[in-house]
Amino acid sequence: MRAPDFEVGGIQAWLVDDGFAAYHVGGVFPELDPAMPELAAVLTEEGGVPMSHHCLLVRSGGRTVLVDTGYGELAQPDAATGKLADRLAELGVGPEEVDTVVISHAHGDHVGGLLRDGRAVFGRARHLVPRPEWDHWTGPGADAGTGKTVARCLRPLHDQGLVDLIDDGAEVAPGVTVRDAPGHTPGHAVVDLEDGGVRAAYLSDAILHAVHVAHPEWACSFDNDGALALETRRRLLADLADRDILVGASHVGTTGYVRGEAGAYRWDATTPART
């Protein structure tokens, strides 16, 4: 097993690569001109927004926690995503070792790996879902796309008694806390790791790219509530800035720190990109 990306006291955690994709600018940042310098600097040669896809594996207090499950069966046959199972195997971790699965939110690239041929991939695990996320996507006002994803990927686990709904601040393993960070979806959550006064943070999709740290105001087409997502991004960045809290996120291929400069922020990467 390679060295962990996070070591927080007795907690160890790894970014686990589910694959890579590049998206049309209008499909990620619909209000932006691809020619604007800050955006053009990060685009692929073909003009796409590069986005890695990661999950988080955490070991703490004898527990093995997996945050999100990648695209899984929802990945297209020729896609460069849906690689979580292979990457876990490379870390020497089998699905039977995972005792807790945390779902940060219910988009397909986070829940697609829950089932294989209709059966739970992580059959020994409790599957923890933020209560506001479940209530929204199973309620009468749910968006058809994500609501259908929940019906396909999460509902069968719920019906089998494998899902527990959790509230803001739930400690899912020693020092591993799930916190509400809504906007990207109604029940979107981030994960804090803390032990012995040392803290790290996993932002899931609160930021969609490293450039989002410098430009939290950039509206993202994937956000369910853009105004609330912006409020959440700004709150998280203000909390993390200049506090030497190591940070990771689903679609940022490095760990890093949030640095504050003259009322703005920047991403200070600490590892090579994992894509």
C-alpha atoms as a PDB file:
ATOM      1  CA  MET A   1       0.000   0.000   0.000  1.00  0.00           C
ATOM      2  CA  ARG A   2       1.320   3.427  -0.927  1.00  0.00           C
ATOM      3  CA  ALA A   3       1.818   6.082   1.698  1.00  0.00           C
ATOM      4  CA  PRO A   4      -1.390   7.795   2.807  1.00  0.00           C
ATOM      5  CA  ASP A   5      -2.316  11.179   1.406  1.00  0.00           C
ATOM      6  CA  PHE A   6      -3.470  12.277   4.863  1.00  0.00           C
ATOM      7  CA  GLU A   7      -1.994  11.359   8.241  1.00  0.00           C
ATOM      8  CA  VAL A   8      -3.942  13.017  11.013  1.00  0.00           C
ATOM      9  CA  GLY A   9      -2.763  11.674  14.330  1.00  0.00           C
ATOM     10  CA  GLY A  10      -3.808   8.028  14.214  1.00  0.00           C
ATOM     11  CA  ILE A  11      -6.025   8.517  11.154  1.00  0.00           C
ATOM     12  CA  GLN A  12      -4.768   7.595   7.690  1.00  0.00           C
ATOM     13  CA  ALA A  13      -6.560   8.378   4.451  1.00  0.00           C
ATOM     14  CA  TRP A  14      -5.971   7.913   0.732  1.00  0.00           C
ATOM     15  CA  LEU A  15      -7.397   9.594  -2.362  1.00  0.00           C
ATOM     16  CA  VAL A  16      -8.521   6.675  -4.515  1.00  0.00           C
ATOM     17  CA  ASP A  17      -8.678   7.360  -8.235  1.00  0.00           C
ATOM     18  CA  ASP A  18     -11.875   6.438 -10.064  1.00  0.00           C
ATOM     19  CA  GLY A  19     -10.661   7.897 -13.356  1.00  0.00           C
ATOM     20  CA  PHE A  20     -10.476  11.102 -15.349  1.00  0.00           C
ATOM     21  CA  ALA A  21     -12.683  13.071 -17.712  1.00  0.00           C
ATOM     22  CA  ALA A  22     -12.614  16.417 -19.501  1.00  0.00           C
ATOM     23  CA  TYR A  23     -15.891  18.304 -19.820  1.00  0.00           C
ATOM     24  CA  HIS A  24     -17.074  21.015 -22.177  1.00  0.00           C
ATOM     25  CA  VAL A  25     -16.631  24.398 -20.528  1.00  0.00           C
ATOM     26  CA  GLY A  26     -20.326  25.196 -20.906  1.00  0.00           C
ATOM     27  CA  GLY A  27     -21.180  21.975 -19.107  1.00  0.00           C
ATOM     28  CA  VAL A  28     -19.192  22.973 -16.018  1.00  0.00           C
ATOM     29  CA  PHE A  29     -18.926  26.776 -15.915  1.00  0.00           C
ATOM     30  CA  PRO A  30     -21.799  27.878 -18.155  1.00  0.00           C
ATOM     31  CA  GLU A  31     -21.375  31.615 -17.626  1.00  0.00           C
ATOM     32  CA  LEU A  32     -17.689  31.744 -18.587  1.00  0.00           C
ATOM     33  CA  ASP A  33     -15.900  32.503 -21.839  1.00  0.00           C
ATOM     34  CA  PRO A  34     -13.312  29.758 -22.487  1.00  0.00           C
ATOM     35  CA  ALA A  35     -10.911  32.451 -23.696  1.00  0.00           C
ATOM     36  CA  MET A  36     -10.727  34.255 -20.359  1.00  0.00           C
ATOM     37  CA  PRO A  37      -7.117  33.847 -19.153  1.00  0.00           C
ATOM     38  CA  GLU A  38      -7.827  32.342 -15.730  1.00  0.00           C
ATOM     39  CA  LEU A  39      -9.922  29.584 -17.301  1.00  0.00           C
ATOM     40  CA  ALA A  40      -7.921  29.072 -20.495  1.00  0.00           C
ATOM     41  CA  ALA A  41      -4.832  28.376 -18.376  1.00  0.00           C
ATOM     42  CA  VAL A  42      -6.335  25.184 -16.945  1.00  0.00           C
ATOM     43  CA  LEU A  43      -8.103  23.744 -19.997  1.00  0.00           C
ATOM     44  CA  THR A  44      -6.902  20.674 -21.881  1.00  0.00           C
ATOM     45  CA  GLU A  45      -5.456  21.030 -25.383  1.00  0.00           C
ATOM     46  CA  GLU A  46      -8.910  20.180 -26.699  1.00  0.00           C
ATOM     47  CA  GLY A  47     -10.459  22.964 -24.617  1.00  0.00           C
ATOM     48  CA  GLY A  48     -12.113  20.824 -21.958  1.00  0.00           C
ATOM     49  CA  VAL A  49     -12.237  21.332 -18.200  1.00  0.00           C
ATOM     50  CA  PRO A  50     -10.048  18.549 -16.749  1.00  0.00           C
ATOM     51  CA  MET A  51     -11.618  16.822 -13.777  1.00  0.00           C
ATOM     52  CA  SER A  52     -10.213  13.904 -11.867  1.00  0.00           C
ATOM     53  CA  HIS A  53     -12.630  11.646 -10.001  1.00  0.00           C
ATOM     54  CA  HIS A  54     -11.674  10.433  -6.548  1.00  0.00           C
ATOM     55  CA  CYS A  55     -13.114   8.697  -3.540  1.00  0.00           C
ATOM     56  CA  LEU A  56     -11.574   8.726  -0.070  1.00  0.00           C
ATOM     57  CA  LEU A  57     -10.475   5.663   1.887  1.00  0.00           C
ATOM     58  CA  VAL A  58     -10.044   6.239   5.630  1.00  0.00           C
ATOM     59  CA  ARG A  59      -8.651   4.002   8.347  1.00  0.00           C
ATOM     60  CA  SER A  60      -9.265   5.052  11.914  1.00  0.00           C
ATOM     61  CA  GLY A  61      -9.670   3.152  15.169  1.00  0.00           C
ATOM     62  CA  GLY A  62      -9.759  -0.216  13.427  1.00  0.00           C
ATOM     63  CA  ARG A  63     -12.475   0.969  11.052  1.00  0.00           C
ATOM     64  CA  THR A  64     -12.279   1.146   7.258  1.00  0.00           C
ATOM     65  CA  VAL A  65     -14.423   3.893   5.769  1.00  0.00           C
ATOM     66  CA  LEU A  66     -14.972   4.596   2.076  1.00  0.00           C
ATOM     67  CA  VAL A  67     -16.328   8.027   1.151  1.00  0.00           C
ATOM     68  CA  ASP A  68     -18.222   7.673  -2.149  1.00  0.00           C
ATOM     69  CA  THR A  69     -17.965   4.870  -4.690  1.00  0.00           C
ATOM     70  CA  GLY A  70     -17.263   6.395  -8.103  1.00  0.00           C
ATOM     71  CA  TYR A  71     -19.133   5.775 -11.334  1.00  0.00           C
ATOM     72  CA  GLY A  72     -19.173   1.969 -11.115  1.00  0.00           C
ATOM     73  CA  GLU A  73     -21.810   0.478 -13.393  1.00  0.00           C
ATOM     74  CA  LEU A  74     -22.908   3.942 -14.500  1.00  0.00           C
ATOM     75  CA  ALA A  75     -19.639   4.480 -16.389  1.00  0.00           C
ATOM     76  CA  GLN A  76     -19.838   4.167 -20.154  1.00  0.00           C
ATOM     77  CA  PRO A  77     -18.030   1.069 -21.521  1.00  0.00           C
ATOM     78  CA  ASP A  78     -15.259   3.131 -23.127  1.00  0.00           C
ATOM     79  CA  ALA A  79     -14.992   5.725 -20.350  1.00  0.00           C
ATOM     80  CA  ALA A  80     -11.832   6.423 -18.376  1.00  0.00           C
ATOM     81  CA  THR A  81     -13.856   6.339 -15.166  1.00  0.00           C
ATOM     82  CA  GLY A  82     -15.317   3.570 -13.024  1.00  0.00           C
ATOM     83  CA  LYS A  83     -11.873   2.369 -11.888  1.00  0.00           C
ATOM     84  CA  LEU A  84     -12.407   2.384  -8.120  1.00  0.00           C
ATOM     85  CA  ALA A  85     -12.443  -1.399  -7.646  1.00  0.00           C
ATOM     86  CA  ASP A  86      -9.115  -1.768  -9.449  1.00  0.00           C
ATOM     87  CA  ARG A  87      -7.540   1.069  -7.501  1.00  0.00           C
ATOM     88  CA  LEU A  88      -8.712  -0.328  -4.165  1.00  0.00           C
ATOM     89  CA  ALA A  89      -7.205  -3.679  -5.144  1.00  0.00           C
ATOM     90  CA  GLU A  90      -3.911  -1.935  -5.886  1.00  0.00           C
ATOM     91  CA  LEU A  91      -4.026  -0.590  -2.334  1.00  0.00           C
ATOM     92  CA  GLY A  92      -4.592  -4.130  -1.066  1.00  0.00           C
ATOM     93  CA  VAL A  93      -8.153  -3.385   0.049  1.00  0.00           C
ATOM     94  CA  GLY A  94     -10.966  -5.770  -0.820  1.00  0.00           C
ATOM     95  CA  PRO A  95     -14.632  -4.748  -0.684  1.00  0.00           C
ATOM     96  CA  GLU A  96     -15.192  -7.056   2.278  1.00  0.00           C
ATOM     97  CA  GLU A  97     -12.791  -4.941   4.371  1.00  0.00           C
ATOM     98  CA  VAL A  98     -14.926  -1.810   4.084  1.00  0.00           C
ATOM     99  CA  ASP A  99     -17.248  -1.583   7.089  1.00  0.00           C
ATOM    100  CA  THR A 100     -18.648   1.895   6.428  1.00  0.00           C
ATOM    101  CA  VAL A 101     -19.576   3.663   3.194  1.00  0.00           C
ATOM    102  CA  VAL A 102     -20.316   7.383   3.436  1.00  0.00           C
ATOM    103  CA  ILE A 103     -22.188   9.007   0.564  1.00  0.00           C
ATOM    104  CA  SER A 104     -21.286  12.699   0.347  1.00  0.00           C
ATOM    105  CA  HIS A 105     -24.120  13.261  -2.137  1.00  0.00           C
ATOM    106  CA  ALA A 106     -26.145  11.275  -4.631  1.00  0.00           C
ATOM    107  CA  HIS A 107     -24.735  12.255  -8.038  1.00  0.00           C
ATOM    108  CA  GLY A 108     -23.956   9.288 -10.256  1.00  0.00           C
ATOM    109  CA  ASP A 109     -20.172   9.629 -10.060  1.00  0.00           C
ATOM    110  CA  HIS A 110     -20.435   9.161  -6.287  1.00  0.00           C
ATOM    111  CA  VAL A 111     -23.020   6.379  -5.977  1.00  0.00           C
ATOM    112  CA  GLY A 112     -22.607   4.379  -9.201  1.00  0.00           C
ATOM    113  CA  GLY A 113     -20.218   1.934  -7.548  1.00  0.00           C
ATOM    114  CA  LEU A 114     -22.619   0.831  -4.814  1.00  0.00           C
ATOM    115  CA  LEU A 115     -24.132  -2.092  -6.728  1.00  0.00           C
ATOM    116  CA  ARG A 116     -22.878  -4.709  -9.143  1.00  0.00           C
ATOM    117  CA  ASP A 117     -25.477  -6.848 -10.914  1.00  0.00           C
ATOM    118  CA  GLY A 118     -28.021  -5.717  -8.359  1.00  0.00           C
ATOM    119  CA  ARG A 119     -25.962  -6.719  -5.312  1.00  0.00           C
ATOM    120  CA  ALA A 120     -24.185  -4.556  -2.773  1.00  0.00           C
ATOM    121  CA  VAL A 121     -20.495  -4.228  -3.656  1.00  0.00           C
ATOM    122  CA  PHE A 122     -19.639  -3.505  -0.016  1.00  0.00           C
ATOM    123  CA  GLY A 123     -21.952  -6.075   1.502  1.00  0.00           C
ATOM    124  CA  ARG A 124     -20.529  -5.896   5.046  1.00  0.00           C
ATOM    125  CA  ALA A 125     -20.805  -2.126   5.236  1.00  0.00           C
ATOM    126  CA  ARG A 126     -23.358   0.218   6.674  1.00  0.00           C
ATOM    127  CA  HIS A 127     -24.146   2.832   4.035  1.00  0.00           C
ATOM    128  CA  LEU A 128     -24.479   6.280   5.566  1.00  0.00           C
ATOM    129  CA  VAL A 129     -26.432   8.965   3.694  1.00  0.00           C
ATOM    130  CA  PRO A 130     -27.027  12.546   4.872  1.00  0.00           C
ATOM    131  CA  ARG A 131     -30.667  12.784   5.853  1.00  0.00           C
ATOM    132  CA  PRO A 132     -31.382  15.974   3.813  1.00  0.00           C
ATOM    133  CA  GLU A 133     -29.955  14.287   0.720  1.00  0.00           C
ATOM    134  CA  TRP A 134     -32.149  11.216   1.070  1.00  0.00           C
ATOM    135  CA  ASP A 135     -35.251  13.216   1.947  1.00  0.00           C
ATOM    136  CA  HIS A 136     -34.868  15.487  -1.068  1.00  0.00           C
ATOM    137  CA  TRP A 137     -34.096  12.911  -3.753  1.00  0.00           C
ATOM    138  CA  THR A 138     -36.754  10.490  -2.578  1.00  0.00           C
ATOM    139  CA  GLY A 139     -39.358  13.239  -2.133  1.00  0.00           C
ATOM    140  CA  PRO A 140     -41.991  14.487  -4.578  1.00  0.00           C
ATOM    141  CA  GLY A 141     -39.902  17.469  -5.699  1.00  0.00           C
ATOM    142  CA  ALA A 142     -36.793  15.512  -6.661  1.00  0.00           C
ATOM    143  CA  ASP A 143     -34.998  16.230  -9.908  1.00  0.00           C
ATOM    144  CA  ALA A 144     -35.705  13.426 -12.349  1.00  0.00           C
ATOM    145  CA  GLY A 145     -32.048  12.722 -13.169  1.00  0.00           C
ATOM    146  CA  THR A 146     -30.630  12.406  -9.661  1.00  0.00           C
ATOM    147  CA  GLY A 147     -33.901  11.010  -8.349  1.00  0.00           C
ATOM    148  CA  LYS A 148     -33.606   8.197 -10.877  1.00  0.00           C
ATOM    149  CA  THR A 149     -29.988   7.625  -9.844  1.00  0.00           C
ATOM    150  CA  VAL A 150     -31.046   7.290  -6.213  1.00  0.00           C
ATOM    151  CA  ALA A 151     -33.800   4.859  -7.181  1.00  0.00           C
ATOM    152  CA  ARG A 152     -31.308   2.738  -9.092  1.00  0.00           C
ATOM    153  CA  CYS A 153     -28.245   2.879  -6.829  1.00  0.00           C
ATOM    154  CA  LEU A 154     -29.395   3.668  -3.287  1.00  0.00           C
ATOM    155  CA  ARG A 155     -32.992   2.522  -2.970  1.00  0.00           C
ATOM    156  CA  PRO A 156     -32.115  -1.212  -3.311  1.00  0.00           C
ATOM    157  CA  LEU A 157     -29.620  -0.897  -0.455  1.00  0.00           C
ATOM    158  CA  HIS A 158     -32.193   0.912   1.648  1.00  0.00           C
ATOM    159  CA  ASP A 159     -34.719  -1.816   0.950  1.00  0.00           C
ATOM    160  CA  GLN A 160     -32.158  -4.405   2.062  1.00  0.00           C
ATOM    161  CA  GLY A 161     -31.679  -2.569   5.375  1.00  0.00           C
ATOM    162  CA  LEU A 162     -28.120  -1.462   4.603  1.00  0.00           C
ATOM    163  CA  VAL A 163     -28.690   2.318   4.698  1.00  0.00           C
ATOM    164  CA  ASP A 164     -28.591   4.580   7.743  1.00  0.00           C
ATOM    165  CA  LEU A 165     -29.511   8.258   7.528  1.00  0.00           C
ATOM    166  CA  ILE A 166     -27.120  10.589   9.341  1.00  0.00           C
ATOM    167  CA  ASP A 167     -27.370  14.174  10.557  1.00  0.00           C
ATOM    168  CA  ASP A 168     -24.951  17.080  10.526  1.00  0.00           C
ATOM    169  CA  GLY A 169     -21.889  16.393  12.680  1.00  0.00           C
ATOM    170  CA  ALA A 170     -22.212  12.611  12.721  1.00  0.00           C
ATOM    171  CA  GLU A 171     -18.961  10.922  13.782  1.00  0.00           C
ATOM    172  CA  VAL A 172     -18.812   7.836  11.570  1.00  0.00           C
ATOM    173  CA  ALA A 173     -15.478   6.523  12.914  1.00  0.00           C
ATOM    174  CA  PRO A 174     -13.085   7.899  15.548  1.00  0.00           C
ATOM    175  CA  GLY A 175     -12.200  11.426  14.446  1.00  0.00           C
ATOM    176  CA  VAL A 176     -14.125  11.144  11.146  1.00  0.00           C
ATOM    177  CA  THR A 177     -17.018  13.600  11.061  1.00  0.00           C
ATOM    178  CA  VAL A 178     -19.539  14.289   8.294  1.00  0.00           C
ATOM    179  CA  ARG A 179     -20.716  17.895   8.071  1.00  0.00           C
ATOM    180  CA  ASP A 180     -23.467  19.554   6.068  1.00  0.00           C
ATOM    181  CA  ALA A 181     -22.219  21.670   3.147  1.00  0.00           C
ATOM    182  CA  PRO A 182     -25.338  22.169   1.001  1.00  0.00           C
ATOM    183  CA  GLY A 183     -25.732  23.818  -2.360  1.00  0.00           C
ATOM    184  CA  HIS A 184     -24.095  21.424  -4.779  1.00  0.00           C
ATOM    185  CA  THR A 185     -26.980  19.198  -3.762  1.00  0.00           C
ATOM    186  CA  PRO A 186     -29.502  19.781  -0.947  1.00  0.00           C
ATOM    187  CA  GLY A 187     -27.736  17.360   1.389  1.00  0.00           C
ATOM    188  CA  HIS A 188     -24.168  17.590   0.116  1.00  0.00           C
ATOM    189  CA  ALA A 189     -21.642  16.906   2.894  1.00  0.00           C
ATOM    190  CA  VAL A 190     -17.926  17.236   3.541  1.00  0.00           C
ATOM    191  CA  VAL A 191     -15.745  15.100   5.797  1.00  0.00           C
ATOM    192  CA  ASP A 192     -13.421  16.310   8.553  1.00  0.00           C
ATOM    193  CA  LEU A 193     -10.560  14.223   9.931  1.00  0.00           C
ATOM    194  CA  GLU A 194      -9.317  15.281  13.353  1.00  0.00           C
ATOM    195  CA  ASP A 195      -7.115  13.679  15.972  1.00  0.00           C
ATOM    196  CA  GLY A 196      -4.912  15.190  18.638  1.00  0.00           C
ATOM    197  CA  GLY A 197      -5.533  18.742  17.478  1.00  0.00           C
ATOM    198  CA  VAL A 198      -4.539  17.958  13.887  1.00  0.00           C
ATOM    199  CA  ARG A 199      -7.210  18.390  11.212  1.00  0.00           C
ATOM    200  CA  ALA A 200      -7.710  17.631   7.526  1.00  0.00           C
ATOM    201  CA  ALA A 201     -10.733  18.217   5.325  1.00  0.00           C
ATOM    202  CA  TYR A 202     -12.281  16.436   2.350  1.00  0.00           C
ATOM    203  CA  LEU A 203     -14.547  18.838   0.451  1.00  0.00           C
ATOM    204  CA  SER A 204     -16.192  16.370  -1.906  1.00  0.00           C
ATOM    205  CA  ASP A 205     -17.788  18.587  -4.617  1.00  0.00           C
ATOM    206  CA  ALA A 206     -17.894  21.872  -2.738  1.00  0.00           C
ATOM    207  CA  ILE A 207     -15.174  22.878  -5.195  1.00  0.00           C
ATOM    208  CA  LEU A 208     -15.105  21.361  -8.682  1.00  0.00           C
ATOM    209  CA  HIS A 209     -11.524  22.203  -9.667  1.00  0.00           C
ATOM    210  CA  ALA A 210      -8.472  23.760  -8.042  1.00  0.00           C
ATOM    211  CA  VAL A 211      -9.235  26.988  -9.914  1.00  0.00           C
ATOM    212  CA  HIS A 212     -12.541  27.116  -8.019  1.00  0.00           C
ATOM    213  CA  VAL A 213     -10.537  28.045  -4.898  1.00  0.00           C
ATOM    214  CA  ALA A 214      -9.360  31.262  -6.548  1.00  0.00           C
ATOM    215  CA  HIS A 215     -12.767  31.848  -8.138  1.00  0.00           C
ATOM    216  CA  PRO A 216     -15.494  30.565  -5.810  1.00  0.00           C
ATOM    217  CA  GLU A 217     -17.901  32.933  -7.578  1.00  0.00           C
ATOM    218  CA  TRP A 218     -17.777  30.880 -10.782  1.00  0.00           C
ATOM    219  CA  ALA A 219     -21.213  29.325 -11.090  1.00  0.00           C
ATOM    220  CA  CYS A 220     -21.213  25.601 -11.789  1.00  0.00           C
ATOM    221  CA  SER A 221     -23.888  23.862 -13.823  1.00  0.00           C
ATOM    222  CA  PHE A 222     -23.751  20.819 -11.520  1.00  0.00           C
ATOM    223  CA  ASP A 223     -24.848  22.846  -8.481  1.00  0.00           C
ATOM    224  CA  ASN A 224     -28.460  22.334  -7.467  1.00  0.00           C
ATOM    225  CA  ASP A 225     -28.652  25.743  -5.748  1.00  0.00           C
ATOM    226  CA  GLY A 226     -25.991  28.079  -7.099  1.00  0.00           C
ATOM    227  CA  ALA A 227     -26.413  30.817  -4.501  1.00  0.00           C
ATOM    228  CA  LEU A 228     -26.228  28.366  -1.617  1.00  0.00           C
ATOM    229  CA  ALA A 229     -23.267  26.542  -3.181  1.00  0.00           C
ATOM    230  CA  LEU A 230     -21.393  29.853  -3.418  1.00  0.00           C
ATOM    231  CA  GLU A 231     -22.190  30.660   0.204  1.00  0.00           C
ATOM    232  CA  THR A 232     -20.931  27.233   1.233  1.00  0.00           C
ATOM    233  CA  ARG A 233     -17.727  27.520  -0.827  1.00  0.00           C
ATOM    234  CA  ARG A 234     -16.907  30.873   0.682  1.00  0.00           C
ATOM    235  CA  ARG A 235     -17.599  29.637   4.204  1.00  0.00           C
ATOM    236  CA  LEU A 236     -15.392  26.581   3.765  1.00  0.00           C
ATOM    237  CA  LEU A 237     -12.546  28.515   2.167  1.00  0.00           C
ATOM    238  CA  ALA A 238     -12.609  31.124   4.940  1.00  0.00           C
ATOM    239  CA  ASP A 239     -12.487  28.343   7.533  1.00  0.00           C
ATOM    240  CA  LEU A 240      -9.549  26.616   5.849  1.00  0.00           C
ATOM    241  CA  ALA A 241      -7.428  29.565   4.727  1.00  0.00           C
ATOM    242  CA  ASP A 242      -3.950  29.814   6.256  1.00  0.00           C
ATOM    243  CA  ARG A 243      -4.654  27.273   8.982  1.00  0.00           C
ATOM    244  CA  ASP A 244      -2.378  24.531   7.621  1.00  0.00           C
ATOM    245  CA  ILE A 245      -5.322  22.197   7.243  1.00  0.00           C
ATOM    246  CA  LEU A 246      -4.559  19.682   4.496  1.00  0.00           C
ATOM    247  CA  VAL A 247      -7.411  19.544   2.004  1.00  0.00           C
ATOM    248  CA  GLY A 248      -8.654  17.149  -0.666  1.00  0.00           C
ATOM    249  CA  ALA A 249     -11.712  17.114  -2.916  1.00  0.00           C
ATOM    250  CA  SER A 250     -13.374  14.691  -5.293  1.00  0.00           C
ATOM    251  CA  HIS A 251     -12.383  16.423  -8.523  1.00  0.00           C
ATOM    252  CA  VAL A 252      -9.072  17.998  -7.513  1.00  0.00           C
ATOM    253  CA  GLY A 253      -6.246  15.624  -8.337  1.00  0.00           C
ATOM    254  CA  THR A 254      -3.934  16.771  -5.536  1.00  0.00           C
ATOM    255  CA  THR A 255      -3.994  17.439  -1.846  1.00  0.00           C
ATOM    256  CA  GLY A 256      -3.212  21.007  -0.901  1.00  0.00           C
ATOM    257  CA  TYR A 257      -3.736  23.995   1.319  1.00  0.00           C
ATOM    258  CA  VAL A 258      -6.024  26.987   0.936  1.00  0.00           C
ATOM    259  CA  ARG A 259      -4.003  30.191   1.109  1.00  0.00           C
ATOM    260  CA  GLY A 260      -5.532  33.609   1.630  1.00  0.00           C
ATOM    261  CA  GLU A 261      -4.064  36.644  -0.110  1.00  0.00           C
ATOM    262  CA  ALA A 262      -5.528  40.156  -0.104  1.00  0.00           C
ATOM    263  CA  GLY A 263      -9.072  38.955   0.433  1.00  0.00           C
ATOM    264  CA  ALA A 264      -8.777  36.192  -2.165  1.00  0.00           C
ATOM    265  CA  TYR A 265      -7.751  32.546  -2.074  1.00  0.00           C
ATOM    266  CA  ARG A 266      -5.453  30.238  -3.998  1.00  0.00           C
ATOM    267  CA  TRP A 267      -4.783  26.507  -4.064  1.00  0.00           C
ATOM    268  CA  ASP A 268      -1.330  25.450  -2.861  1.00  0.00           C
ATOM    269  CA  ALA A 269      -0.891  21.877  -4.117  1.00  0.00           C
ATOM    270  CA  THR A 270       1.268  19.531  -2.053  1.00  0.00           C
ATOM    271  CA  THR A 271       1.265  16.318  -4.113  1.00  0.00           C
ATOM    272  CA  PRO A 272       1.562  15.375  -7.787  1.00  0.00           C
ATOM    273  CA  ALA A 273      -1.777  15.218  -9.566  1.00  0.00           C
ATOM    274  CA  ARG A 274      -3.528  11.866  -9.117  1.00  0.00           C
ATOM    275  CA  THR A 275      -5.323  11.433 -12.423  1.00  0.00           C
END
